[in-house]
Amino acid sequence: MKTPQEIVSFMYGNDEFSSLLGIEIFAIKIGNVDLELSVKESHTNGFKIAHGGISYSLADTCLAFSANTFGYKAVTTETSISYFCKVQLGDRLCAKSHLIQKGNSSAVYLIEIHNQENILVSHFKGTVRISKDLW
């Protein structure tokens, strides 16, 4: 079975979208991955603040990487996100995953995204289906 680092490295190496956004891996542990992203001009919307899809994409990537570290292929089945404050151009976002529940065929995660001032900017909940397919 592959290690969490091998799995996440493989996933990231094949993830064009996360690379395009500039998502960086900060920490990898079994069940949890922490990611970071700096908000660029291309991430902003018509209000010149970060598009909501930036936080969502960061959290979704964090969910995918975290859920797969157990060595079985997992895919998202349901997500939701709440936004608490606006994200500005130049902000540094950090996504941290927290495993809430894991069974044989599903898992539930909470992903918190904080800015560089450690202010909670969004809260993401995601459910994944865990297959029997090994990495």
C-alpha atoms as a PDB file:
ATOM      1  CA  MET A   1       0.000   0.000   0.000  1.00  0.00           C
ATOM      2  CA  LYS A   2       1.240   3.501  -0.802  1.00  0.00           C
ATOM      3  CA  THR A   3       2.032   6.026   1.912  1.00  0.00           C
ATOM      4  CA  PRO A   4      -0.112   9.136   2.407  1.00  0.00           C
ATOM      5  CA  GLN A   5       2.764  11.228   0.985  1.00  0.00           C
ATOM      6  CA  GLU A   6       2.970   9.057  -2.160  1.00  0.00           C
ATOM      7  CA  ILE A   7      -0.800   9.223  -2.695  1.00  0.00           C
ATOM      8  CA  VAL A   8      -1.060  12.988  -2.233  1.00  0.00           C
ATOM      9  CA  SER A   9       2.030  13.596  -4.384  1.00  0.00           C
ATOM     10  CA  PHE A  10       0.526  11.492  -7.172  1.00  0.00           C
ATOM     11  CA  MET A  11      -2.864  13.208  -6.910  1.00  0.00           C
ATOM     12  CA  TYR A  12      -1.296  16.679  -6.853  1.00  0.00           C
ATOM     13  CA  GLY A  13       0.973  15.834  -9.782  1.00  0.00           C
ATOM     14  CA  ASN A  14      -2.098  15.016 -11.877  1.00  0.00           C
ATOM     15  CA  ASP A  15      -4.299  17.851 -10.613  1.00  0.00           C
ATOM     16  CA  GLU A  16      -4.030  20.596 -13.231  1.00  0.00           C
ATOM     17  CA  PHE A  17      -6.675  22.762 -11.572  1.00  0.00           C
ATOM     18  CA  SER A  18      -4.999  22.867  -8.157  1.00  0.00           C
ATOM     19  CA  SER A  19      -1.717  23.669  -9.855  1.00  0.00           C
ATOM     20  CA  LEU A  20      -3.398  26.445 -11.862  1.00  0.00           C
ATOM     21  CA  LEU A  21      -4.782  27.967  -8.648  1.00  0.00           C
ATOM     22  CA  GLY A  22      -1.383  27.793  -6.957  1.00  0.00           C
ATOM     23  CA  ILE A  23      -2.434  25.433  -4.170  1.00  0.00           C
ATOM     24  CA  GLU A  24       0.521  24.275  -2.076  1.00  0.00           C
ATOM     25  CA  ILE A  25       0.777  21.267   0.230  1.00  0.00           C
ATOM     26  CA  PHE A  26       1.728  22.278   3.767  1.00  0.00           C
ATOM     27  CA  ALA A  27       1.365  19.020   5.759  1.00  0.00           C
ATOM     28  CA  ILE A  28       0.363  15.403   5.096  1.00  0.00           C
ATOM     29  CA  LYS A  29      -0.724  12.897   7.745  1.00  0.00           C
ATOM     30  CA  ILE A  30      -2.942   9.867   7.455  1.00  0.00           C
ATOM     31  CA  GLY A  31      -6.483  11.227   7.351  1.00  0.00           C
ATOM     32  CA  ASN A  32      -5.490  14.887   7.201  1.00  0.00           C
ATOM     33  CA  VAL A  33      -3.817  17.232   4.736  1.00  0.00           C
ATOM     34  CA  ASP A  34      -3.239  20.970   5.179  1.00  0.00           C
ATOM     35  CA  LEU A  35      -3.029  23.194   2.107  1.00  0.00           C
ATOM     36  CA  GLU A  36      -2.231  26.845   1.430  1.00  0.00           C
ATOM     37  CA  LEU A  37      -2.989  29.311  -1.347  1.00  0.00           C
ATOM     38  CA  SER A  38      -2.158  32.963  -1.968  1.00  0.00           C
ATOM     39  CA  VAL A  39      -5.017  34.981  -3.487  1.00  0.00           C
ATOM     40  CA  LYS A  40      -3.992  36.417  -6.863  1.00  0.00           C
ATOM     41  CA  GLU A  41      -5.616  38.989  -9.146  1.00  0.00           C
ATOM     42  CA  SER A  42      -6.935  36.139 -11.322  1.00  0.00           C
ATOM     43  CA  HIS A  43      -8.817  34.781  -8.261  1.00  0.00           C
ATOM     44  CA  THR A  44     -10.903  37.940  -7.777  1.00  0.00           C
ATOM     45  CA  ASN A  45     -14.471  38.661  -8.862  1.00  0.00           C
ATOM     46  CA  GLY A  46     -16.257  41.861  -9.949  1.00  0.00           C
ATOM     47  CA  PHE A  47     -16.026  43.254  -6.406  1.00  0.00           C
ATOM     48  CA  LYS A  48     -12.231  42.773  -6.486  1.00  0.00           C
ATOM     49  CA  ILE A  49     -12.403  40.260  -3.628  1.00  0.00           C
ATOM     50  CA  ALA A  50     -11.686  36.548  -3.931  1.00  0.00           C
ATOM     51  CA  HIS A  51     -14.314  34.629  -5.853  1.00  0.00           C
ATOM     52  CA  GLY A  52     -16.140  32.187  -3.560  1.00  0.00           C
ATOM     53  CA  GLY A  53     -14.939  29.379  -5.792  1.00  0.00           C
ATOM     54  CA  ILE A  54     -11.383  29.947  -4.573  1.00  0.00           C
ATOM     55  CA  SER A  55     -12.168  28.995  -0.970  1.00  0.00           C
ATOM     56  CA  TYR A  56     -14.448  26.231  -2.208  1.00  0.00           C
ATOM     57  CA  SER A  57     -11.792  24.803  -4.530  1.00  0.00           C
ATOM     58  CA  LEU A  58      -9.130  24.946  -1.827  1.00  0.00           C
ATOM     59  CA  ALA A  59     -11.439  23.124   0.609  1.00  0.00           C
ATOM     60  CA  ASP A  60     -12.543  20.567  -1.989  1.00  0.00           C
ATOM     61  CA  THR A  61      -8.923  19.760  -2.823  1.00  0.00           C
ATOM     62  CA  CYS A  62      -8.129  19.462   0.886  1.00  0.00           C
ATOM     63  CA  LEU A  63     -11.051  17.041   1.270  1.00  0.00           C
ATOM     64  CA  ALA A  64      -9.960  14.900  -1.677  1.00  0.00           C
ATOM     65  CA  PHE A  65      -6.341  14.666  -0.591  1.00  0.00           C
ATOM     66  CA  SER A  66      -7.241  13.974   3.049  1.00  0.00           C
ATOM     67  CA  ALA A  67      -9.805  11.280   2.305  1.00  0.00           C
ATOM     68  CA  ASN A  68      -7.429   9.363   0.050  1.00  0.00           C
ATOM     69  CA  THR A  69      -4.527   9.189   2.539  1.00  0.00           C
ATOM     70  CA  PHE A  70      -5.921   5.993   4.055  1.00  0.00           C
ATOM     71  CA  GLY A  71      -4.837   4.142   0.915  1.00  0.00           C
ATOM     72  CA  TYR A  72      -8.258   3.535  -0.623  1.00  0.00           C
ATOM     73  CA  LYS A  73      -9.623   5.614  -3.480  1.00  0.00           C
ATOM     74  CA  ALA A  74     -12.302   8.012  -2.253  1.00  0.00           C
ATOM     75  CA  VAL A  75     -14.529  10.454  -4.144  1.00  0.00           C
ATOM     76  CA  THR A  76     -16.747  13.290  -2.953  1.00  0.00           C
ATOM     77  CA  THR A  77     -20.499  12.691  -2.740  1.00  0.00           C
ATOM     78  CA  GLU A  78     -21.729  15.825  -0.972  1.00  0.00           C
ATOM     79  CA  THR A  79     -20.373  19.195   0.150  1.00  0.00           C
ATOM     80  CA  SER A  80     -21.489  22.479   1.648  1.00  0.00           C
ATOM     81  CA  ILE A  81     -19.659  25.696   2.473  1.00  0.00           C
ATOM     82  CA  SER A  82     -20.307  28.775   4.595  1.00  0.00           C
ATOM     83  CA  TYR A  83     -18.444  32.041   4.075  1.00  0.00           C
ATOM     84  CA  PHE A  84     -17.820  34.230   7.129  1.00  0.00           C
ATOM     85  CA  CYS A  85     -15.818  37.148   5.783  1.00  0.00           C
ATOM     86  CA  LYS A  86     -14.468  38.417   2.508  1.00  0.00           C
ATOM     87  CA  VAL A  87     -11.099  37.278   1.236  1.00  0.00           C
ATOM     88  CA  GLN A  88      -8.870  39.985  -0.204  1.00  0.00           C
ATOM     89  CA  LEU A  89      -6.296  40.037  -2.964  1.00  0.00           C
ATOM     90  CA  GLY A  90      -2.974  39.030  -1.385  1.00  0.00           C
ATOM     91  CA  ASP A  91      -4.511  37.038   1.470  1.00  0.00           C
ATOM     92  CA  ARG A  92      -2.814  33.760   2.328  1.00  0.00           C
ATOM     93  CA  LEU A  93      -5.392  31.024   2.940  1.00  0.00           C
ATOM     94  CA  CYS A  94      -4.742  27.867   4.921  1.00  0.00           C
ATOM     95  CA  ALA A  95      -7.105  24.883   4.690  1.00  0.00           C
ATOM     96  CA  LYS A  96      -6.980  22.369   7.528  1.00  0.00           C
ATOM     97  CA  SER A  97      -8.967  19.149   7.449  1.00  0.00           C
ATOM     98  CA  HIS A  98     -10.592  17.484  10.431  1.00  0.00           C
ATOM     99  CA  LEU A  99     -11.950  13.950  10.128  1.00  0.00           C
ATOM    100  CA  ILE A 100     -15.362  13.873  11.811  1.00  0.00           C
ATOM    101  CA  GLN A 101     -16.456  10.289  11.096  1.00  0.00           C
ATOM    102  CA  LYS A 102     -15.045   7.394   9.086  1.00  0.00           C
ATOM    103  CA  GLY A 103     -16.676   4.089   8.297  1.00  0.00           C
ATOM    104  CA  ASN A 104     -15.838   1.366   5.790  1.00  0.00           C
ATOM    105  CA  SER A 105     -17.565   3.043   2.869  1.00  0.00           C
ATOM    106  CA  SER A 106     -17.855   6.734   3.776  1.00  0.00           C
ATOM    107  CA  ALA A 107     -16.236   9.519   5.740  1.00  0.00           C
ATOM    108  CA  VAL A 108     -17.219  13.036   6.790  1.00  0.00           C
ATOM    109  CA  TYR A 109     -14.760  15.906   7.025  1.00  0.00           C
ATOM    110  CA  LEU A 110     -14.809  19.466   8.228  1.00  0.00           C
ATOM    111  CA  ILE A 111     -12.401  21.796   6.422  1.00  0.00           C
ATOM    112  CA  GLU A 112     -11.645  25.154   8.022  1.00  0.00           C
ATOM    113  CA  ILE A 113     -10.056  27.928   6.001  1.00  0.00           C
ATOM    114  CA  HIS A 114      -8.229  30.689   7.845  1.00  0.00           C
ATOM    115  CA  ASN A 115      -6.415  33.716   6.474  1.00  0.00           C
ATOM    116  CA  GLN A 116      -2.914  34.882   7.408  1.00  0.00           C
ATOM    117  CA  GLU A 117      -4.327  36.588  10.522  1.00  0.00           C
ATOM    118  CA  ASN A 118      -5.841  33.252  11.640  1.00  0.00           C
ATOM    119  CA  ILE A 119      -9.368  34.561  11.007  1.00  0.00           C
ATOM    120  CA  LEU A 120     -11.847  31.852  10.007  1.00  0.00           C
ATOM    121  CA  VAL A 121     -13.058  32.849   6.541  1.00  0.00           C
ATOM    122  CA  SER A 122     -15.001  29.724   5.574  1.00  0.00           C
ATOM    123  CA  HIS A 123     -16.217  26.406   6.881  1.00  0.00           C
ATOM    124  CA  PHE A 124     -16.668  23.440   4.505  1.00  0.00           C
ATOM    125  CA  LYS A 125     -18.272  20.076   5.222  1.00  0.00           C
ATOM    126  CA  GLY A 126     -17.720  17.183   2.856  1.00  0.00           C
ATOM    127  CA  THR A 127     -18.750  13.550   2.608  1.00  0.00           C
ATOM    128  CA  VAL A 128     -16.791  11.018   0.592  1.00  0.00           C
ATOM    129  CA  ARG A 129     -17.466   7.496  -0.631  1.00  0.00           C
ATOM    130  CA  ILE A 130     -14.571   5.160   0.073  1.00  0.00           C
ATOM    131  CA  SER A 131     -14.067   2.406  -2.478  1.00  0.00           C
ATOM    132  CA  LYS A 132     -12.329  -0.936  -2.011  1.00  0.00           C
ATOM    133  CA  ASP A 133      -9.776   0.065  -4.676  1.00  0.00           C
ATOM    134  CA  LEU A 134      -6.269   0.487  -3.316  1.00  0.00           C
ATOM    135  CA  TRP A 135      -3.945   3.221  -4.475  1.00  0.00           C
END
